[in-house]
Amino acid sequence: MSHSTPLDQVLAFVRTVEAGGGAAELRPFLAEDFTLTEWPHALSKSGSTRNLAETLSGADQSKDIVAKQTFDVVRTTCQGDRVVLEMNWSATLLLDLPHWDCGDTIRARSTAVFELRDGLIISQDTYDCYYTAPE
């Protein structure tokens, strides 16, 4: 892997997700012991924790759920191998979900905390605040 900063790695990962990357595209960014923790939000009242295999499977399935994802990174904070991104996220829904219909644009303010080791992401904690009221 080329020499890049933890921030470079995380931003490249986010841009790959934004471009619709599935398991094959995301795998090079993630360590074997990667964990994704989604803290409770409007679509998951109890949150969830996924390992590498579950995360990669979810990345492939997301193509059936959303299209045209965008991550507008508002602020970054870095400390050693920890990177925090504050982002505005949006996507077009490809199916009906609670609060939205197929074709709607779903939006959230999101903070994600990434931990890296040896240039690979070992964990991601996400805190998503969805906008559920009509604009």
Protein backbone atom coordinates (compact mmCIF):
# COMPACT_ATOMS: atom_id res chain seq x y z
CA MET A 1 0.00 0.00 0.00
CA SER A 2 1.33 3.47 -0.78
CA HIS A 3 2.33 5.82 2.02
CA SER A 4 -0.72 7.89 2.86
CA THR A 5 -2.09 9.44 6.01
CA PRO A 6 -5.00 7.94 7.96
CA LEU A 7 -7.14 10.85 6.70
CA ASP A 8 -6.18 10.07 3.08
CA GLN A 9 -7.17 6.42 3.59
CA VAL A 10 -10.51 7.26 5.20
CA LEU A 11 -11.42 9.84 2.56
CA ALA A 12 -10.54 7.36 -0.21
CA PHE A 13 -12.75 4.78 1.52
CA VAL A 14 -15.67 7.22 1.77
CA ARG A 15 -15.30 8.19 -1.91
CA THR A 16 -15.34 4.50 -2.83
CA VAL A 17 -18.58 4.02 -0.89
CA GLU A 18 -19.99 7.14 -2.53
CA ALA A 19 -19.14 5.76 -5.99
CA GLY A 20 -21.20 2.65 -5.20
CA GLY A 21 -18.30 0.39 -4.34
CA GLY A 22 -19.23 -3.09 -3.28
CA ALA A 23 -17.30 -5.72 -1.39
CA ALA A 24 -14.47 -6.02 -3.93
CA GLU A 25 -13.84 -2.29 -3.99
CA LEU A 26 -14.07 -1.77 -0.22
CA ARG A 27 -12.10 -4.81 0.92
CA PRO A 28 -8.62 -3.27 0.32
CA PHE A 29 -9.37 -0.55 2.88
CA LEU A 30 -10.47 -2.84 5.71
CA ALA A 31 -8.52 -4.99 8.16
CA GLU A 32 -9.43 -8.64 8.69
CA ASP A 33 -10.74 -7.81 12.20
CA PHE A 34 -12.79 -4.78 11.04
CA THR A 35 -15.98 -3.93 12.94
CA LEU A 36 -18.72 -1.48 11.99
CA THR A 37 -20.90 -0.13 14.79
CA GLU A 38 -24.00 1.82 13.86
CA TRP A 39 -25.41 3.55 16.91
CA PRO A 40 -29.23 3.76 17.19
CA HIS A 41 -31.00 5.95 14.64
CA ALA A 42 -34.34 6.35 12.85
CA LEU A 43 -33.90 3.19 10.77
CA SER A 44 -32.35 1.02 13.48
CA LYS A 45 -33.73 1.70 16.94
CA SER A 46 -31.20 -0.60 18.61
CA GLY A 47 -28.25 -0.02 16.27
CA SER A 48 -26.01 -2.84 15.09
CA THR A 49 -22.48 -4.17 15.03
CA ARG A 50 -21.11 -5.99 11.99
CA ASN A 51 -17.88 -7.81 11.30
CA LEU A 52 -15.91 -7.65 8.05
CA ALA A 53 -17.94 -10.29 6.19
CA GLU A 54 -21.27 -8.75 7.23
CA THR A 55 -20.09 -5.27 6.28
CA LEU A 56 -18.93 -6.38 2.83
CA SER A 57 -22.17 -8.26 2.24
CA GLY A 58 -24.10 -5.11 3.23
CA ALA A 59 -22.04 -3.05 0.77
CA ASP A 60 -23.11 -5.35 -2.06
CA GLN A 61 -26.77 -5.22 -0.94
CA SER A 62 -26.78 -1.41 -0.68
CA LYS A 63 -26.93 -1.19 -4.48
CA ASP A 64 -30.53 -2.43 -4.21
CA ILE A 65 -31.41 0.14 -1.54
CA VAL A 66 -29.83 3.47 -2.52
CA ALA A 67 -28.36 5.22 -5.54
CA LYS A 68 -26.55 8.51 -6.05
CA GLN A 69 -24.99 8.60 -2.60
CA THR A 70 -23.14 11.78 -1.72
CA PHE A 71 -20.98 12.51 1.30
CA ASP A 72 -20.29 16.20 1.84
CA VAL A 73 -17.45 16.20 4.36
CA VAL A 74 -17.95 19.26 6.55
CA ARG A 75 -15.14 18.77 9.07
CA THR A 76 -12.32 16.36 9.78
CA THR A 77 -10.45 15.72 13.00
CA CYS A 78 -7.39 13.50 13.17
CA GLN A 79 -5.40 12.21 16.12
CA GLY A 80 -2.82 9.58 15.33
CA ASP A 81 -4.65 6.65 13.75
CA ARG A 82 -8.11 8.00 14.64
CA VAL A 83 -10.07 10.00 12.05
CA VAL A 84 -13.42 11.66 12.69
CA LEU A 85 -15.56 12.90 9.80
CA GLU A 86 -18.63 15.09 10.11
CA MET A 87 -20.68 14.76 6.94
CA ASN A 88 -23.94 15.57 5.25
CA TRP A 89 -25.11 12.41 3.48
CA SER A 90 -27.85 11.95 0.92
CA ALA A 91 -29.02 9.23 -1.45
CA THR A 92 -31.97 8.33 -3.64
CA LEU A 93 -34.05 5.46 -2.29
CA LEU A 94 -34.68 2.46 -4.53
CA LEU A 95 -37.38 1.03 -2.22
CA ASP A 96 -39.84 2.16 0.43
CA LEU A 97 -38.54 2.63 3.98
CA PRO A 98 -40.15 3.99 7.14
CA HIS A 99 -40.49 7.77 6.72
CA TRP A 100 -39.68 7.70 2.95
CA ASP A 101 -40.93 6.30 -0.36
CA CYS A 102 -39.04 4.84 -3.27
CA GLY A 103 -37.52 7.69 -5.28
CA ASP A 104 -37.28 10.05 -2.31
CA THR A 105 -33.99 11.64 -1.36
CA ILE A 106 -32.99 10.54 2.11
CA ARG A 107 -30.67 12.82 4.09
CA ALA A 108 -28.68 12.55 7.30
CA ARG A 109 -26.09 14.42 9.28
CA SER A 110 -23.48 11.84 10.16
CA THR A 111 -20.39 11.61 12.30
CA ALA A 112 -18.10 8.65 11.73
CA VAL A 113 -15.13 7.68 13.88
CA PHE A 114 -12.52 5.50 12.18
CA GLU A 115 -9.59 3.68 13.79
CA LEU A 116 -6.72 2.49 11.60
CA ARG A 117 -3.82 0.12 12.06
CA ASP A 118 -1.01 -0.29 9.53
CA GLY A 119 -2.95 1.80 7.00
CA LEU A 120 -6.14 -0.30 7.24
CA ILE A 121 -9.43 0.63 8.87
CA ILE A 122 -10.04 -1.61 11.90
CA SER A 123 -13.25 0.01 13.12
CA GLN A 124 -15.92 2.51 12.18
CA ASP A 125 -18.52 3.91 14.58
CA THR A 126 -21.31 5.88 12.93
CA TYR A 127 -23.77 8.29 14.47
CA ASP A 128 -26.49 9.13 11.93
CA CYS A 129 -29.17 11.77 12.47
CA TYR A 130 -31.79 11.34 9.74
CA TYR A 131 -34.00 14.18 8.59
CA THR A 132 -37.47 12.59 8.61
CA ALA A 133 -39.68 15.68 8.34
CA PRO A 134 -40.67 16.83 4.85
CA GLU A 135 -38.82 19.89 3.57
